[in-house]
Protein backbone atom coordinates (compact mmCIF):
# COMPACT_ATOMS: atom_id res chain seq x y z
CA MET A 1 71.08 64.22 117.41
CA ILE A 2 70.73 61.17 115.14
CA ILE A 3 67.33 59.55 114.49
CA ARG A 4 67.56 56.05 113.05
CA SER A 5 65.28 54.76 110.32
CA ASN A 6 61.89 53.75 111.81
CA ASP A 7 62.62 55.41 115.20
CA PHE A 8 60.45 58.26 116.49
CA LEU A 9 61.81 61.78 117.00
CA PHE A 10 58.68 62.63 118.98
CA LYS A 11 55.13 61.33 119.26
CA GLU A 12 51.75 62.97 118.98
CA GLU A 13 50.47 64.26 122.35
CA GLN A 14 54.01 64.12 123.80
CA LEU A 15 54.97 67.17 125.88
CA ALA A 16 56.32 69.78 123.46
CA MET A 17 59.80 70.72 124.66
CA GLY A 18 60.98 72.66 121.59
CA ILE A 19 61.51 72.57 117.85
CA PHE A 20 63.76 70.45 115.63
CA CYS A 21 65.72 71.50 112.54
CA VAL A 22 66.35 68.73 110.01
CA GLU A 23 69.98 68.77 108.86
CA ALA A 24 70.14 65.46 106.94
CA GLY A 25 67.97 62.45 106.18
CA THR A 26 64.29 61.96 105.51
CA LEU A 27 61.48 61.80 108.07
CA LEU A 28 57.72 61.24 108.00
CA THR A 29 55.06 63.16 109.90
CA LEU A 30 52.23 60.93 111.15
CA LYS A 31 48.81 61.55 112.69
CA GLN A 32 47.10 58.87 114.76
CA ALA A 33 43.35 58.33 114.27
CA GLU A 34 41.33 55.34 115.44
CA SER A 35 44.44 53.20 116.10
CA LYS A 36 45.69 53.86 112.55
CA ALA A 37 48.63 56.10 111.67
CA THR A 38 48.24 58.29 108.60
CA VAL A 39 51.38 59.73 107.02
CA LEU A 40 50.99 63.46 106.50
CA ASN A 41 54.22 64.47 104.78
CA VAL A 42 57.75 63.54 103.81
CA ILE A 43 60.21 65.84 105.58
CA LYS A 44 63.58 66.73 104.04
CA PRO A 45 66.65 68.65 105.20
CA GLY A 46 65.99 72.32 105.83
CA HIS A 47 62.57 71.78 107.41
CA ILE A 48 61.69 72.80 110.95
CA LEU A 49 59.51 70.39 112.94
CA GLY A 50 57.37 70.85 116.02
CA THR A 51 56.57 74.50 115.41
CA ASN A 52 53.31 74.09 117.30
CA ALA A 53 55.50 73.73 120.44
CA ILE A 54 55.60 77.52 120.49
CA THR A 55 51.90 77.77 121.37
CA SER A 56 50.89 74.26 122.46
CA ALA A 57 51.73 72.05 125.40
CA THR A 58 51.93 68.91 123.23
CA TYR A 59 53.03 67.98 119.72
CA GLN A 60 50.11 67.65 117.27
CA TYR A 61 51.68 64.84 115.19
CA SER A 62 54.43 62.22 115.40
CA VAL A 63 57.72 62.25 113.49
CA LYS A 64 59.46 59.04 112.46
CA GLY A 65 62.68 58.40 110.54
CA LEU A 66 62.24 57.11 107.00
CA THR A 67 66.03 57.06 106.67
CA ASP A 68 68.68 57.83 109.27
CA ALA A 69 68.39 61.55 109.96
CA LYS A 70 70.35 64.25 111.74
CA VAL A 71 68.38 66.93 113.59
CA CYS A 72 69.21 69.70 116.01
CA PHE A 73 66.97 70.62 118.94
CA ILE A 74 66.11 74.13 120.12
CA PRO A 75 64.37 74.24 123.54
CA LYS A 76 61.02 76.06 123.73
CA PRO A 77 62.23 78.89 126.05
CA LEU A 78 65.11 79.65 123.67
CA VAL A 79 62.74 79.57 120.67
CA ILE A 80 60.48 82.15 122.32
CA LYS A 81 63.46 84.32 123.30
CA LEU A 82 64.91 84.18 119.77
CA MET A 83 61.53 85.01 118.23
CA ASN A 84 61.23 88.07 120.48
CA GLU A 85 64.78 89.29 119.90
CA HIS A 86 65.76 88.25 116.35
CA LEU A 87 63.65 89.08 113.32
CA PRO A 88 65.49 86.59 111.01
CA PHE A 89 64.67 83.74 113.40
CA LYS A 90 61.02 84.81 113.59
CA LEU A 91 60.90 84.90 109.78
CA ALA A 92 62.40 81.39 109.60
CA ILE A 93 59.65 80.09 111.90
CA MET A 94 57.01 81.84 109.79
CA LYS A 95 58.54 80.27 106.66
CA ALA A 96 58.38 76.83 108.31
CA LEU A 97 54.70 77.34 109.11
CA CYS A 98 54.00 78.42 105.54
CA GLN A 99 55.84 75.33 104.22
CA GLU A 100 53.62 73.12 106.39
CA ILE A 101 50.49 74.78 105.01
CA GLU A 102 51.75 74.54 101.41
CA ALA A 103 52.69 70.85 101.81
CA THR A 104 49.21 70.10 103.12
CA GLN A 105 47.61 71.93 100.20
CA GLN A 106 49.84 70.14 97.66
CA LYS A 107 48.97 66.76 99.16
CA SER A 108 45.26 67.56 98.95
CA LEU A 109 45.57 68.57 95.30
CA SER A 110 47.64 65.48 94.53
CA LEU A 111 44.95 63.22 95.97
CA ILE A 112 42.37 64.90 93.75
CA TYR A 113 44.21 65.18 90.44
CA LYS A 114 46.81 62.39 90.24
CA SER A 115 46.29 58.67 89.69
CA SER A 116 47.52 56.16 92.29
CA LYS A 117 50.48 55.24 90.07
CA GLN A 118 51.42 58.90 89.66
CA ARG A 119 51.22 59.53 93.42
CA ILE A 120 53.41 56.49 94.15
CA ALA A 121 55.93 57.48 91.46
CA THR A 122 56.06 61.03 92.84
CA LEU A 123 56.67 59.78 96.38
CA LEU A 124 59.36 57.31 95.31
CA LEU A 125 61.19 59.92 93.23
CA GLU A 126 60.95 62.56 95.95
CA VAL A 127 62.35 60.28 98.66
CA ALA A 128 65.01 58.75 96.38
CA ASP A 129 66.18 62.22 95.27
CA THR A 130 66.49 63.34 98.90
CA ILE A 131 68.53 60.26 99.81
CA ARG A 132 70.74 60.55 96.72
CA SER A 133 71.43 64.22 97.41
CA GLN A 134 72.96 63.20 100.75
CA SER A 135 74.77 60.04 99.65
CA ARG A 136 76.43 58.74 96.52
CA GLU A 137 74.90 55.30 97.03
CA LYS A 138 71.69 54.12 95.40
CA ALA A 139 68.67 55.16 97.41
CA SER A 140 67.41 52.27 99.52
CA ILE A 141 64.11 53.31 101.09
CA TYR A 142 62.82 51.61 104.25
CA PHE A 143 59.06 51.43 104.06
CA VAL A 144 56.04 50.10 105.90
CA PRO A 145 53.33 49.45 103.27
CA GLU A 146 50.52 50.86 105.43
CA GLU A 147 52.43 54.12 105.99
CA PHE A 148 53.35 54.59 102.33
CA ALA A 149 49.79 53.74 101.31
CA GLY A 150 48.48 56.36 103.73
CA LEU A 151 50.83 58.95 102.31
CA VAL A 152 49.51 58.46 98.77
CA GLY A 153 45.90 57.93 99.84
CA ILE A 154 45.35 54.30 98.78
CA ALA A 155 44.95 50.91 100.45
CA ALA A 156 48.12 48.96 101.30
CA LYS A 157 46.97 46.12 99.03
CA SER A 158 46.68 48.53 96.07
CA LEU A 159 50.11 49.95 96.85
CA MET A 160 51.68 46.49 96.85
CA LYS A 161 49.97 45.64 93.55
CA ILE A 162 51.33 48.78 91.89
CA LEU A 163 54.81 48.26 93.35
CA HIS A 164 54.75 44.69 92.02
CA GLU A 165 53.88 46.09 88.58
CA PHE A 166 56.75 48.60 88.86
CA GLU A 167 59.07 45.77 89.88
CA GLN A 168 58.02 43.64 86.90
CA LYS A 169 58.95 46.57 84.65
CA GLN A 170 62.28 46.83 86.53
CA TRP A 171 61.56 50.37 87.68
CA VAL A 172 61.96 49.46 91.36
CA GLN A 173 63.32 46.61 93.40
CA CYS A 174 61.47 45.39 96.51
CA ARG A 175 63.24 43.34 99.18
CA LYS A 176 61.45 42.83 102.50
CA ASN A 177 60.81 46.37 103.76
CA GLN A 178 63.37 47.99 101.44
CA LEU A 179 62.62 49.70 98.13
CA MET A 180 65.19 50.82 95.60
CA VAL A 181 64.43 52.99 92.58
CA LEU A 182 66.12 51.39 89.56
CA ASN A 183 64.72 53.52 86.73
CA ALA A 184 63.88 57.07 87.79
CA ASN A 185 63.35 58.13 84.16
CA ALA A 186 60.57 55.57 83.65
CA LEU A 187 58.86 56.63 86.90
CA GLY A 188 59.23 60.27 85.86
CA LYS A 189 57.41 59.58 82.58
CA LEU A 190 54.30 58.65 84.59
CA LEU A 191 54.10 62.21 85.85
């Protein structure tokens, strides 16, 4: 199944019908709170999404395409059957859960120890590397300022100010809701 950039794969509180394996593309996990969406993580190929479907009736977060993405769907009854009958599948689900926990811990540490510029540079490089690994073209990143700001833990206005600074230094190019990394080496030196 193909998920287009900015389209939802599933939404928080939606009936959990199964899990999704990310084959290509980049997605964002989002949590809704007080009419504001907070980006939790950037999801790359190889990740499994919706693992809470195994034990919950609804999904606990939303998933939205940052780029066009290809995912496969495994229905909940088949997931449970495979977990009961195939140890490698059960281990893959456990690995996915551990990755979710680790990503949450890394984000928490990043918010504590890195500056806003470092967090933005890290995010841009991470997303651009994922896109480049799947395409030979330059990485054009669709972004909504509020979502990106939420992902790095700053206000949208601060994000735009820093991106403008990066653009003045010709590290990135901003056009409408598209970002392109022009100088990954310079961004990498911030880290």
